[in-house]
Amino acid sequence: MFKYIGKKIDVKYDSGLHYTIEYLSDTQLQWVDLADGIQGADKQGTEDVYYYEIANDVYSFNWIEETGISVCQTINFKDKKAYSFIAWNDDSAKGKRAFAIQQGSIQFID
């Protein structure tokens, strides 16, 4: 069982993207966009998430949003770091998918 169920984090990326994420269960998370992030993206969502522990307190989370945005996010809870690969539909991009690589920090919200 994922030990952060019921916990909420604040994720701030160096690019200015800013989200809160709450881990609802072993299979779902809820996120809220606080910075009007990616154009065409929803402002919030509850997602089916797939995760695995890479190292002690380092997890990789993966989900696909209703809009087709795909997220692969690595969170290092010990060092409070976040890394994400985010991809979305874009007819002008290679393979008709654009992407952004993000890095930033996390903080637990009480």
PDB file of N, CA and C in Angstrom:
ATOM      1  N   MET A   1       0.831  -1.187   0.000  1.00  0.00           N
ATOM      2  CA  MET A   1       0.000   0.000   0.000  1.00  0.00           C
ATOM      3  C   MET A   1       0.880   1.257   0.000  1.00  0.00           C
ATOM      4  N   PHE A   2       0.477   2.235  -0.777  1.00  0.00           N
ATOM      5  CA  PHE A   2       1.196   3.500  -0.897  1.00  0.00           C
ATOM      6  C   PHE A   2       1.062   4.282   0.409  1.00  0.00           C
ATOM      7  N   LYS A   3       2.177   4.668   0.999  1.00  0.00           N
ATOM      8  CA  LYS A   3       2.151   5.250   2.342  1.00  0.00           C
ATOM      9  C   LYS A   3       1.702   6.702   2.405  1.00  0.00           C
ATOM     10  N   TYR A   4       1.510   7.336   1.250  1.00  0.00           N
ATOM     11  CA  TYR A   4       1.096   8.738   1.251  1.00  0.00           C
ATOM     12  C   TYR A   4      -0.391   8.922   0.915  1.00  0.00           C
ATOM     13  N   ILE A   5      -1.180   7.857   0.978  1.00  0.00           N
ATOM     14  CA  ILE A   5      -2.623   7.978   0.755  1.00  0.00           C
ATOM     15  C   ILE A   5      -3.196   8.955   1.781  1.00  0.00           C
ATOM     16  N   GLY A   6      -4.012   9.884   1.283  1.00  0.00           N
ATOM     17  CA  GLY A   6      -4.607  10.904   2.143  1.00  0.00           C
ATOM     18  C   GLY A   6      -3.752  12.146   2.306  1.00  0.00           C
ATOM     19  N   LYS A   7      -2.539  12.118   1.776  1.00  0.00           N
ATOM     20  CA  LYS A   7      -1.635  13.271   1.871  1.00  0.00           C
ATOM     21  C   LYS A   7      -1.791  14.160   0.643  1.00  0.00           C
ATOM     22  N   LYS A   8      -1.497  15.441   0.840  1.00  0.00           N
ATOM     23  CA  LYS A   8      -1.572  16.423  -0.236  1.00  0.00           C
ATOM     24  C   LYS A   8      -0.229  17.143  -0.315  1.00  0.00           C
ATOM     25  N   ILE A   9       0.239  17.349  -1.552  1.00  0.00           N
ATOM     26  CA  ILE A   9       1.494  18.074  -1.755  1.00  0.00           C
ATOM     27  C   ILE A   9       1.272  19.268  -2.672  1.00  0.00           C
ATOM     28  N   ASP A  10       2.123  20.251  -2.520  1.00  0.00           N
ATOM     29  CA  ASP A  10       2.191  21.424  -3.372  1.00  0.00           C
ATOM     30  C   ASP A  10       3.406  21.224  -4.266  1.00  0.00           C
ATOM     31  N   VAL A  11       3.202  21.265  -5.582  1.00  0.00           N
ATOM     32  CA  VAL A  11       4.288  21.044  -6.543  1.00  0.00           C
ATOM     33  C   VAL A  11       4.516  22.336  -7.328  1.00  0.00           C
ATOM     34  N   LYS A  12       5.707  22.906  -7.207  1.00  0.00           N
ATOM     35  CA  LYS A  12       6.072  24.119  -7.938  1.00  0.00           C
ATOM     36  C   LYS A  12       7.246  23.793  -8.852  1.00  0.00           C
ATOM     37  N   TYR A  13       6.984  23.928 -10.166  1.00  0.00           N
ATOM     38  CA  TYR A  13       8.040  23.678 -11.139  1.00  0.00           C
ATOM     39  C   TYR A  13       8.796  24.971 -11.446  1.00  0.00           C
ATOM     40  N   ASP A  14      10.043  24.834 -11.815  1.00  0.00           N
ATOM     41  CA  ASP A  14      10.893  25.982 -12.129  1.00  0.00           C
ATOM     42  C   ASP A  14      10.321  26.833 -13.270  1.00  0.00           C
ATOM     43  N   SER A  15       9.516  26.217 -14.135  1.00  0.00           N
ATOM     44  CA  SER A  15       8.923  26.913 -15.285  1.00  0.00           C
ATOM     45  C   SER A  15       7.766  27.826 -14.898  1.00  0.00           C
ATOM     46  N   GLY A  16       7.271  27.681 -13.668  1.00  0.00           N
ATOM     47  CA  GLY A  16       6.104  28.440 -13.229  1.00  0.00           C
ATOM     48  C   GLY A  16       4.861  27.601 -13.092  1.00  0.00           C
ATOM     49  N   LEU A  17       4.856  26.386 -13.652  1.00  0.00           N
ATOM     50  CA  LEU A  17       3.715  25.492 -13.439  1.00  0.00           C
ATOM     51  C   LEU A  17       3.593  25.215 -11.943  1.00  0.00           C
ATOM     52  N   HIS A  18       2.350  25.125 -11.468  1.00  0.00           N
ATOM     53  CA  HIS A  18       2.121  24.983 -10.027  1.00  0.00           C
ATOM     54  C   HIS A  18       0.844  24.176  -9.808  1.00  0.00           C
ATOM     55  N   TYR A  19       0.952  23.108  -9.048  1.00  0.00           N
ATOM     56  CA  TYR A  19      -0.168  22.193  -8.823  1.00  0.00           C
ATOM     57  C   TYR A  19      -0.234  21.774  -7.356  1.00  0.00           C
ATOM     58  N   THR A  20      -1.431  21.355  -6.944  1.00  0.00           N
ATOM     59  CA  THR A  20      -1.551  20.556  -5.733  1.00  0.00           C
ATOM     60  C   THR A  20      -1.950  19.157  -6.186  1.00  0.00           C
ATOM     61  N   ILE A  21      -1.456  18.174  -5.465  1.00  0.00           N
ATOM     62  CA  ILE A  21      -1.796  16.779  -5.746  1.00  0.00           C
ATOM     63  C   ILE A  21      -2.175  16.123  -4.432  1.00  0.00           C
ATOM     64  N   GLU A  22      -3.308  15.428  -4.443  1.00  0.00           N
ATOM     65  CA  GLU A  22      -3.726  14.651  -3.279  1.00  0.00           C
ATOM     66  C   GLU A  22      -3.809  13.193  -3.701  1.00  0.00           C
ATOM     67  N   TYR A  23      -3.186  12.337  -2.921  1.00  0.00           N
ATOM     68  CA  TYR A  23      -3.197  10.902  -3.206  1.00  0.00           C
ATOM     69  C   TYR A  23      -4.419  10.294  -2.529  1.00  0.00           C
ATOM     70  N   LEU A  24      -5.428   9.941  -3.330  1.00  0.00           N
ATOM     71  CA  LEU A  24      -6.704   9.468  -2.806  1.00  0.00           C
ATOM     72  C   LEU A  24      -6.685   7.994  -2.426  1.00  0.00           C
ATOM     73  N   SER A  25      -5.942   7.198  -3.189  1.00  0.00           N
ATOM     74  CA  SER A  25      -5.875   5.749  -2.954  1.00  0.00           C
ATOM     75  C   SER A  25      -4.648   5.207  -3.673  1.00  0.00           C
ATOM     76  N   ASP A  26      -4.505   3.899  -3.661  1.00  0.00           N
ATOM     77  CA  ASP A  26      -3.408   3.265  -4.405  1.00  0.00           C
ATOM     78  C   ASP A  26      -3.554   3.450  -5.914  1.00  0.00           C
ATOM     79  N   THR A  27      -4.757   3.804  -6.364  1.00  0.00           N
ATOM     80  CA  THR A  27      -5.014   3.859  -7.800  1.00  0.00           C
ATOM     81  C   THR A  27      -5.534   5.210  -8.292  1.00  0.00           C
ATOM     82  N   GLN A  28      -5.696   6.195  -7.408  1.00  0.00           N
ATOM     83  CA  GLN A  28      -6.215   7.489  -7.846  1.00  0.00           C
ATOM     84  C   GLN A  28      -5.523   8.655  -7.151  1.00  0.00           C
ATOM     85  N   LEU A  29      -5.368   9.731  -7.912  1.00  0.00           N
ATOM     86  CA  LEU A  29      -4.913  11.003  -7.351  1.00  0.00           C
ATOM     87  C   LEU A  29      -5.788  12.115  -7.896  1.00  0.00           C
ATOM     88  N   GLN A  30      -5.778  13.224  -7.187  1.00  0.00           N
ATOM     89  CA  GLN A  30      -6.514  14.407  -7.622  1.00  0.00           C
ATOM     90  C   GLN A  30      -5.534  15.571  -7.688  1.00  0.00           C
ATOM     91  N   TRP A  31      -5.592  16.332  -8.775  1.00  0.00           N
ATOM     92  CA  TRP A  31      -4.687  17.455  -8.948  1.00  0.00           C
ATOM     93  C   TRP A  31      -5.483  18.718  -9.250  1.00  0.00           C
ATOM     94  N   VAL A  32      -4.898  19.855  -8.912  1.00  0.00           N
ATOM     95  CA  VAL A  32      -5.475  21.162  -9.216  1.00  0.00           C
ATOM     96  C   VAL A  32      -4.360  22.045  -9.760  1.00  0.00           C
ATOM     97  N   ASP A  33      -4.619  22.682 -10.906  1.00  0.00           N
ATOM     98  CA  ASP A  33      -3.675  23.604 -11.533  1.00  0.00           C
ATOM     99  C   ASP A  33      -3.850  24.979 -10.890  1.00  0.00           C
ATOM    100  N   LEU A  34      -2.818  25.493 -10.251  1.00  0.00           N
ATOM    101  CA  LEU A  34      -2.876  26.780  -9.571  1.00  0.00           C
ATOM    102  C   LEU A  34      -2.278  27.923 -10.383  1.00  0.00           C
ATOM    103  N   ALA A  35      -1.736  27.630 -11.570  1.00  0.00           N
ATOM    104  CA  ALA A  35      -1.011  28.659 -12.321  1.00  0.00           C
ATOM    105  C   ALA A  35      -1.440  28.773 -13.778  1.00  0.00           C
ATOM    106  N   ASP A  36      -2.607  28.228 -14.126  1.00  0.00           N
ATOM    107  CA  ASP A  36      -3.073  28.286 -15.516  1.00  0.00           C
ATOM    108  C   ASP A  36      -2.003  27.742 -16.451  1.00  0.00           C
ATOM    109  N   GLY A  37      -1.610  26.508 -16.178  1.00  0.00           N
ATOM    110  CA  GLY A  37      -0.465  25.873 -16.818  1.00  0.00           C
ATOM    111  C   GLY A  37      -0.533  25.654 -18.308  1.00  0.00           C
ATOM    112  N   ILE A  38      -0.791  24.453 -18.743  1.00  0.00           N
ATOM    113  CA  ILE A  38      -0.702  24.068 -20.146  1.00  0.00           C
ATOM    114  C   ILE A  38      -1.991  24.446 -20.866  1.00  0.00           C
ATOM    115  N   GLN A  39      -1.843  25.135 -21.998  1.00  0.00           N
ATOM    116  CA  GLN A  39      -2.999  25.569 -22.782  1.00  0.00           C
ATOM    117  C   GLN A  39      -3.816  24.366 -23.231  1.00  0.00           C
ATOM    118  N   GLY A  40      -5.131  24.448 -23.055  1.00  0.00           N
ATOM    119  CA  GLY A  40      -6.027  23.366 -23.454  1.00  0.00           C
ATOM    120  C   GLY A  40      -6.196  22.296 -22.399  1.00  0.00           C
ATOM    121  N   ALA A  41      -5.497  22.430 -21.293  1.00  0.00           N
ATOM    122  CA  ALA A  41      -5.596  21.439 -20.223  1.00  0.00           C
ATOM    123  C   ALA A  41      -6.726  21.815 -19.277  1.00  0.00           C
ATOM    124  N   ASP A  42      -7.265  20.819 -18.622  1.00  0.00           N
ATOM    125  CA  ASP A  42      -8.245  21.064 -17.572  1.00  0.00           C
ATOM    126  C   ASP A  42      -7.565  21.774 -16.410  1.00  0.00           C
ATOM    127  N   LYS A  43      -8.352  22.397 -15.537  1.00  0.00           N
ATOM    128  CA  LYS A  43      -7.832  23.080 -14.350  1.00  0.00           C
ATOM    129  C   LYS A  43      -7.706  22.138 -13.156  1.00  0.00           C
ATOM    130  N   GLN A  44      -8.384  21.002 -13.229  1.00  0.00           N
ATOM    131  CA  GLN A  44      -8.298  20.014 -12.151  1.00  0.00           C
ATOM    132  C   GLN A  44      -8.758  18.670 -12.683  1.00  0.00           C
ATOM    133  N   GLY A  45      -8.399  17.622 -11.972  1.00  0.00           N
ATOM    134  CA  GLY A  45      -8.823  16.296 -12.399  1.00  0.00           C
ATOM    135  C   GLY A  45      -8.573  15.244 -11.333  1.00  0.00           C
ATOM    136  N   THR A  46      -9.335  14.183 -11.444  1.00  0.00           N
ATOM    137  CA  THR A  46      -9.124  12.986 -10.636  1.00  0.00           C
ATOM    138  C   THR A  46      -8.722  11.898 -11.613  1.00  0.00           C
ATOM    139  N   GLU A  47      -7.553  11.336 -11.418  1.00  0.00           N
ATOM    140  CA  GLU A  47      -6.968  10.439 -12.417  1.00  0.00           C
ATOM    141  C   GLU A  47      -6.689   9.057 -11.851  1.00  0.00           C
ATOM    142  N   ASP A  48      -6.853   8.059 -12.728  1.00  0.00           N
ATOM    143  CA  ASP A  48      -6.354   6.724 -12.423  1.00  0.00           C
ATOM    144  C   ASP A  48      -4.842   6.795 -12.587  1.00  0.00           C
ATOM    145  N   VAL A  49      -4.128   6.383 -11.570  1.00  0.00           N
ATOM    146  CA  VAL A  49      -2.676   6.534 -11.576  1.00  0.00           C
ATOM    147  C   VAL A  49      -2.012   5.171 -11.419  1.00  0.00           C
ATOM    148  N   TYR A  50      -0.895   5.020 -12.081  1.00  0.00           N
ATOM    149  CA  TYR A  50      -0.070   3.827 -11.980  1.00  0.00           C
ATOM    150  C   TYR A  50       1.272   4.280 -11.430  1.00  0.00           C
ATOM    151  N   TYR A  51       1.755   3.619 -10.413  1.00  0.00           N
ATOM    152  CA  TYR A  51       2.992   4.069  -9.791  1.00  0.00           C
ATOM    153  C   TYR A  51       3.842   2.873  -9.388  1.00  0.00           C
ATOM    154  N   TYR A  52       5.103   3.166  -9.177  1.00  0.00           N
ATOM    155  CA  TYR A  52       6.009   2.180  -8.593  1.00  0.00           C
ATOM    156  C   TYR A  52       7.106   2.925  -7.856  1.00  0.00           C
ATOM    157  N   GLU A  53       7.658   2.251  -6.859  1.00  0.00           N
ATOM    158  CA  GLU A  53       8.737   2.839  -6.073  1.00  0.00           C
ATOM    159  C   GLU A  53      10.059   2.536  -6.758  1.00  0.00           C
ATOM    160  N   ILE A  54      10.781   3.579  -7.130  1.00  0.00           N
ATOM    161  CA  ILE A  54      12.064   3.438  -7.819  1.00  0.00           C
ATOM    162  C   ILE A  54      13.181   3.182  -6.814  1.00  0.00           C
ATOM    163  N   ALA A  55      13.138   3.920  -5.727  1.00  0.00           N
ATOM    164  CA  ALA A  55      14.117   3.812  -4.643  1.00  0.00           C
ATOM    165  C   ALA A  55      13.373   4.185  -3.361  1.00  0.00           C
ATOM    166  N   ASN A  56      14.061   4.117  -2.245  1.00  0.00           N
ATOM    167  CA  ASN A  56      13.420   4.449  -0.983  1.00  0.00           C
ATOM    168  C   ASN A  56      12.854   5.877  -1.023  1.00  0.00           C
ATOM    169  N   ASP A  57      11.528   5.986  -0.946  1.00  0.00           N
ATOM    170  CA  ASP A  57      10.803   7.258  -0.935  1.00  0.00           C
ATOM    171  C   ASP A  57      10.892   8.037  -2.245  1.00  0.00           C
ATOM    172  N   VAL A  58      11.197   7.337  -3.352  1.00  0.00           N
ATOM    173  CA  VAL A  58      11.194   7.925  -4.689  1.00  0.00           C
ATOM    174  C   VAL A  58      10.225   7.112  -5.544  1.00  0.00           C
ATOM    175  N   TYR A  59       9.204   7.799  -6.086  1.00  0.00           N
ATOM    176  CA  TYR A  59       8.140   7.123  -6.818  1.00  0.00           C
ATOM    177  C   TYR A  59       7.983   7.710  -8.212  1.00  0.00           C
ATOM    178  N   SER A  60       7.613   6.847  -9.152  1.00  0.00           N
ATOM    179  CA  SER A  60       7.231   7.267 -10.492  1.00  0.00           C
ATOM    180  C   SER A  60       5.715   7.089 -10.606  1.00  0.00           C
ATOM    181  N   PHE A  61       5.022   8.170 -10.982  1.00  0.00           N
ATOM    182  CA  PHE A  61       3.575   8.165 -11.165  1.00  0.00           C
ATOM    183  C   PHE A  61       3.273   8.416 -12.633  1.00  0.00           C
ATOM    184  N   ASN A  62       2.293   7.705 -13.173  1.00  0.00           N
ATOM    185  CA  ASN A  62       1.943   7.834 -14.583  1.00  0.00           C
ATOM    186  C   ASN A  62       0.433   7.865 -14.736  1.00  0.00           C
ATOM    187  N   TRP A  63      -0.064   8.832 -15.539  1.00  0.00           N
ATOM    188  CA  TRP A  63      -1.500   8.889 -15.794  1.00  0.00           C
ATOM    189  C   TRP A  63      -1.774   9.581 -17.119  1.00  0.00           C
ATOM    190  N   ILE A  64      -2.991   9.359 -17.637  1.00  0.00           N
ATOM    191  CA  ILE A  64      -3.473  10.003 -18.854  1.00  0.00           C
ATOM    192  C   ILE A  64      -4.753  10.738 -18.492  1.00  0.00           C
ATOM    193  N   GLU A  65      -4.796  12.029 -18.813  1.00  0.00           N
ATOM    194  CA  GLU A  65      -5.946  12.859 -18.489  1.00  0.00           C
ATOM    195  C   GLU A  65      -7.002  12.792 -19.595  1.00  0.00           C
ATOM    196  N   GLU A  66      -8.219  13.220 -19.286  1.00  0.00           N
ATOM    197  CA  GLU A  66      -9.326  13.210 -20.242  1.00  0.00           C
ATOM    198  C   GLU A  66      -8.984  13.931 -21.535  1.00  0.00           C
ATOM    199  N   THR A  67      -8.191  14.982 -21.465  1.00  0.00           N
ATOM    200  CA  THR A  67      -7.814  15.773 -22.637  1.00  0.00           C
ATOM    201  C   THR A  67      -6.754  15.082 -23.493  1.00  0.00           C
ATOM    202  N   GLY A  68      -6.232  13.960 -23.012  1.00  0.00           N
ATOM    203  CA  GLY A  68      -5.179  13.254 -23.734  1.00  0.00           C
ATOM    204  C   GLY A  68      -3.786  13.586 -23.245  1.00  0.00           C
ATOM    205  N   ILE A  69      -3.684  14.503 -22.305  1.00  0.00           N
ATOM    206  CA  ILE A  69      -2.376  14.824 -21.735  1.00  0.00           C
ATOM    207  C   ILE A  69      -1.860  13.616 -20.963  1.00  0.00           C
ATOM    208  N   SER A  70      -0.610  13.258 -21.223  1.00  0.00           N
ATOM    209  CA  SER A  70       0.042  12.148 -20.523  1.00  0.00           C
ATOM    210  C   SER A  70       1.093  12.714 -19.579  1.00  0.00           C
ATOM    211  N   VAL A  71       1.131  12.182 -18.376  1.00  0.00           N
ATOM    212  CA  VAL A  71       2.077  12.661 -17.383  1.00  0.00           C
ATOM    213  C   VAL A  71       2.871  11.492 -16.820  1.00  0.00           C
ATOM    214  N   CYS A  72       4.167  11.645 -16.800  1.00  0.00           N
ATOM    215  CA  CYS A  72       5.067  10.737 -16.090  1.00  0.00           C
ATOM    216  C   CYS A  72       5.800  11.616 -15.088  1.00  0.00           C
ATOM    217  N   GLN A  73       5.503  11.411 -13.823  1.00  0.00           N
ATOM    218  CA  GLN A  73       6.026  12.287 -12.773  1.00  0.00           C
ATOM    219  C   GLN A  73       6.822  11.461 -11.770  1.00  0.00           C
ATOM    220  N   THR A  74       8.017  11.919 -11.464  1.00  0.00           N
ATOM    221  CA  THR A  74       8.840  11.288 -10.440  1.00  0.00           C
ATOM    222  C   THR A  74       8.914  12.234  -9.252  1.00  0.00           C
ATOM    223  N   ILE A  75       8.543  11.716  -8.085  1.00  0.00           N
ATOM    224  CA  ILE A  75       8.586  12.505  -6.861  1.00  0.00           C
ATOM    225  C   ILE A  75       9.573  11.855  -5.901  1.00  0.00           C
ATOM    226  N   ASN A  76      10.529  12.653  -5.443  1.00  0.00           N
ATOM    227  CA  ASN A  76      11.448  12.231  -4.401  1.00  0.00           C
ATOM    228  C   ASN A  76      10.943  12.877  -3.106  1.00  0.00           C
ATOM    229  N   PHE A  77      10.198  12.104  -2.323  1.00  0.00           N
ATOM    230  CA  PHE A  77       9.599  12.639  -1.102  1.00  0.00           C
ATOM    231  C   PHE A  77      10.657  12.988  -0.053  1.00  0.00           C
ATOM    232  N   LYS A  78      11.767  12.270  -0.068  1.00  0.00           N
ATOM    233  CA  LYS A  78      12.829  12.527   0.912  1.00  0.00           C
ATOM    234  C   LYS A  78      13.511  13.870   0.646  1.00  0.00           C
ATOM    235  N   ASP A  79      13.884  14.102  -0.616  1.00  0.00           N
ATOM    236  CA  ASP A  79      14.589  15.332  -0.981  1.00  0.00           C
ATOM    237  C   ASP A  79      13.658  16.454  -1.423  1.00  0.00           C
ATOM    238  N   LYS A  80      12.343  16.151  -1.472  1.00  0.00           N
ATOM    239  CA  LYS A  80      11.312  17.130  -1.841  1.00  0.00           C
ATOM    240  C   LYS A  80      11.518  17.699  -3.251  1.00  0.00           C
ATOM    241  N   LYS A  81      11.773  16.800  -4.199  1.00  0.00           N
ATOM    242  CA  LYS A  81      11.989  17.171  -5.597  1.00  0.00           C
ATOM    243  C   LYS A  81      10.932  16.517  -6.491  1.00  0.00           C
ATOM    244  N   ALA A  82      10.593  17.203  -7.576  1.00  0.00           N
ATOM    245  CA  ALA A  82       9.633  16.684  -8.552  1.00  0.00           C
ATOM    246  C   ALA A  82      10.208  16.822  -9.956  1.00  0.00           C
ATOM    247  N   TYR A  83       9.985  15.817 -10.769  1.00  0.00           N
ATOM    248  CA  TYR A  83      10.419  15.799 -12.166  1.00  0.00           C
ATOM    249  C   TYR A  83       9.262  15.245 -12.990  1.00  0.00           C
ATOM    250  N   SER A  84       8.948  15.889 -14.106  1.00  0.00           N
ATOM    251  CA  SER A  84       7.820  15.422 -14.919  1.00  0.00           C
ATOM    252  C   SER A  84       8.131  15.505 -16.406  1.00  0.00           C
ATOM    253  N   PHE A  85       7.576  14.544 -17.120  1.00  0.00           N
ATOM    254  CA  PHE A  85       7.504  14.556 -18.573  1.00  0.00           C
ATOM    255  C   PHE A  85       6.017  14.647 -18.890  1.00  0.00           C
ATOM    256  N   ILE A  86       5.609  15.724 -19.563  1.00  0.00           N
ATOM    257  CA  ILE A  86       4.206  15.962 -19.865  1.00  0.00           C
ATOM    258  C   ILE A  86       4.074  16.047 -21.378  1.00  0.00           C
ATOM    259  N   ALA A  87       3.148  15.275 -21.971  1.00  0.00           N
ATOM    260  CA  ALA A  87       2.956  15.271 -23.422  1.00  0.00           C
ATOM    261  C   ALA A  87       1.485  15.507 -23.752  1.00  0.00           C
ATOM    262  N   TRP A  88       1.234  16.254 -24.854  1.00  0.00           N
ATOM    263  CA  TRP A  88      -0.129  16.563 -25.264  1.00  0.00           C
ATOM    264  C   TRP A  88      -0.203  16.602 -26.783  1.00  0.00           C
ATOM    265  N   ASN A  89      -1.439  16.545 -27.298  1.00  0.00           N
ATOM    266  CA  ASN A  89      -1.678  16.573 -28.739  1.00  0.00           C
ATOM    267  C   ASN A  89      -1.290  17.921 -29.324  1.00  0.00           C
ATOM    268  N   ASP A  90      -0.561  17.867 -30.449  1.00  0.00           N
ATOM    269  CA  ASP A  90      -0.163  19.078 -31.162  1.00  0.00           C
ATOM    270  C   ASP A  90       0.135  18.667 -32.599  1.00  0.00           C
ATOM    271  N   ASP A  91      -0.765  19.007 -33.510  1.00  0.00           N
ATOM    272  CA  ASP A  91      -0.622  18.579 -34.906  1.00  0.00           C
ATOM    273  C   ASP A  91       0.660  19.059 -35.570  1.00  0.00           C
ATOM    274  N   SER A  92       1.267  20.128 -35.053  1.00  0.00           N
ATOM    275  CA  SER A  92       2.485  20.663 -35.680  1.00  0.00           C
ATOM    276  C   SER A  92       3.765  20.032 -35.123  1.00  0.00           C
ATOM    277  N   ALA A  93       3.648  19.209 -34.102  1.00  0.00           N
ATOM    278  CA  ALA A  93       4.831  18.606 -33.474  1.00  0.00           C
ATOM    279  C   ALA A  93       5.127  17.226 -34.066  1.00  0.00           C
ATOM    280  N   LYS A  94       6.339  16.776 -33.861  1.00  0.00           N
ATOM    281  CA  LYS A  94       6.746  15.445 -34.303  1.00  0.00           C
ATOM    282  C   LYS A  94       5.819  14.405 -33.675  1.00  0.00           C
ATOM    283  N   GLY A  95       5.283  13.525 -34.491  1.00  0.00           N
ATOM    284  CA  GLY A  95       4.377  12.501 -33.995  1.00  0.00           C
ATOM    285  C   GLY A  95       3.052  13.074 -33.508  1.00  0.00           C
ATOM    286  N   LYS A  96       2.823  14.341 -33.824  1.00  0.00           N
ATOM    287  CA  LYS A  96       1.617  15.068 -33.423  1.00  0.00           C
ATOM    288  C   LYS A  96       1.452  15.137 -31.903  1.00  0.00           C
ATOM    289  N   ARG A  97       2.603  15.084 -31.195  1.00  0.00           N
ATOM    290  CA  ARG A  97       2.610  15.201 -29.736  1.00  0.00           C
ATOM    291  C   ARG A  97       3.719  16.166 -29.335  1.00  0.00           C
ATOM    292  N   ALA A  98       3.366  17.174 -28.563  1.00  0.00           N
ATOM    293  CA  ALA A  98       4.359  18.083 -27.997  1.00  0.00           C
ATOM    294  C   ALA A  98       4.638  17.630 -26.565  1.00  0.00           C
ATOM    295  N   PHE A  99       5.744  18.102 -26.006  1.00  0.00           N
ATOM    296  CA  PHE A  99       6.076  17.684 -24.644  1.00  0.00           C
ATOM    297  C   PHE A  99       6.834  18.769 -23.911  1.00  0.00           C
ATOM    298  N   ALA A 100       6.842  18.658 -22.607  1.00  0.00           N
ATOM    299  CA  ALA A 100       7.636  19.542 -21.754  1.00  0.00           C
ATOM    300  C   ALA A 100       8.240  18.690 -20.654  1.00  0.00           C
ATOM    301  N   ILE A 101       9.471  18.991 -20.322  1.00  0.00           N
ATOM    302  CA  ILE A 101      10.152  18.337 -19.215  1.00  0.00           C
ATOM    303  C   ILE A 101      10.272  19.375 -18.105  1.00  0.00           C
ATOM    304  N   GLN A 102       9.826  19.004 -16.933  1.00  0.00           N
ATOM    305  CA  GLN A 102       9.745  19.934 -15.811  1.00  0.00           C
ATOM    306  C   GLN A 102      10.550  19.418 -14.620  1.00  0.00           C
ATOM    307  N   GLN A 103      11.080  20.346 -13.841  1.00  0.00           N
ATOM    308  CA  GLN A 103      11.649  19.966 -12.558  1.00  0.00           C
ATOM    309  C   GLN A 103      11.300  21.056 -11.558  1.00  0.00           C
ATOM    310  N   GLY A 104      11.161  20.635 -10.304  1.00  0.00           N
ATOM    311  CA  GLY A 104      10.797  21.592  -9.278  1.00  0.00           C
ATOM    312  C   GLY A 104      10.855  20.986  -7.895  1.00  0.00           C
ATOM    313  N   SER A 105      10.053  21.563  -7.002  1.00  0.00           N
ATOM    314  CA  SER A 105      10.083  21.135  -5.619  1.00  0.00           C
ATOM    315  C   SER A 105       8.679  20.828  -5.125  1.00  0.00           C
ATOM    316  N   ILE A 106       8.625  20.072  -4.035  1.00  0.00           N
ATOM    317  CA  ILE A 106       7.342  19.745  -3.420  1.00  0.00           C
ATOM    318  C   ILE A 106       7.369  20.160  -1.954  1.00  0.00           C
ATOM    319  N   GLN A 107       6.181  20.323  -1.431  1.00  0.00           N
ATOM    320  CA  GLN A 107       6.011  20.614  -0.011  1.00  0.00           C
ATOM    321  C   GLN A 107       4.716  19.933   0.418  1.00  0.00           C
ATOM    322  N   PHE A 108       4.723  19.315   1.582  1.00  0.00           N
ATOM    323  CA  PHE A 108       3.497  18.724   2.097  1.00  0.00           C
ATOM    324  C   PHE A 108       2.573  19.831   2.587  1.00  0.00           C
ATOM    325  N   ILE A 109       1.278  19.650   2.323  1.00  0.00           N
ATOM    326  CA  ILE A 109       0.259  20.576   2.798  1.00  0.00           C
ATOM    327  C   ILE A 109      -0.455  19.897   3.961  1.00  0.00           C
ATOM    328  N   ASP A 110      -0.533  20.574   5.073  1.00  0.00           N
ATOM    329  CA  ASP A 110      -1.190  19.992   6.258  1.00  0.00           C
ATOM    330  C   ASP A 110      -2.693  20.071   6.149  1.00  0.00           C
TER     331      ASP A 110
END
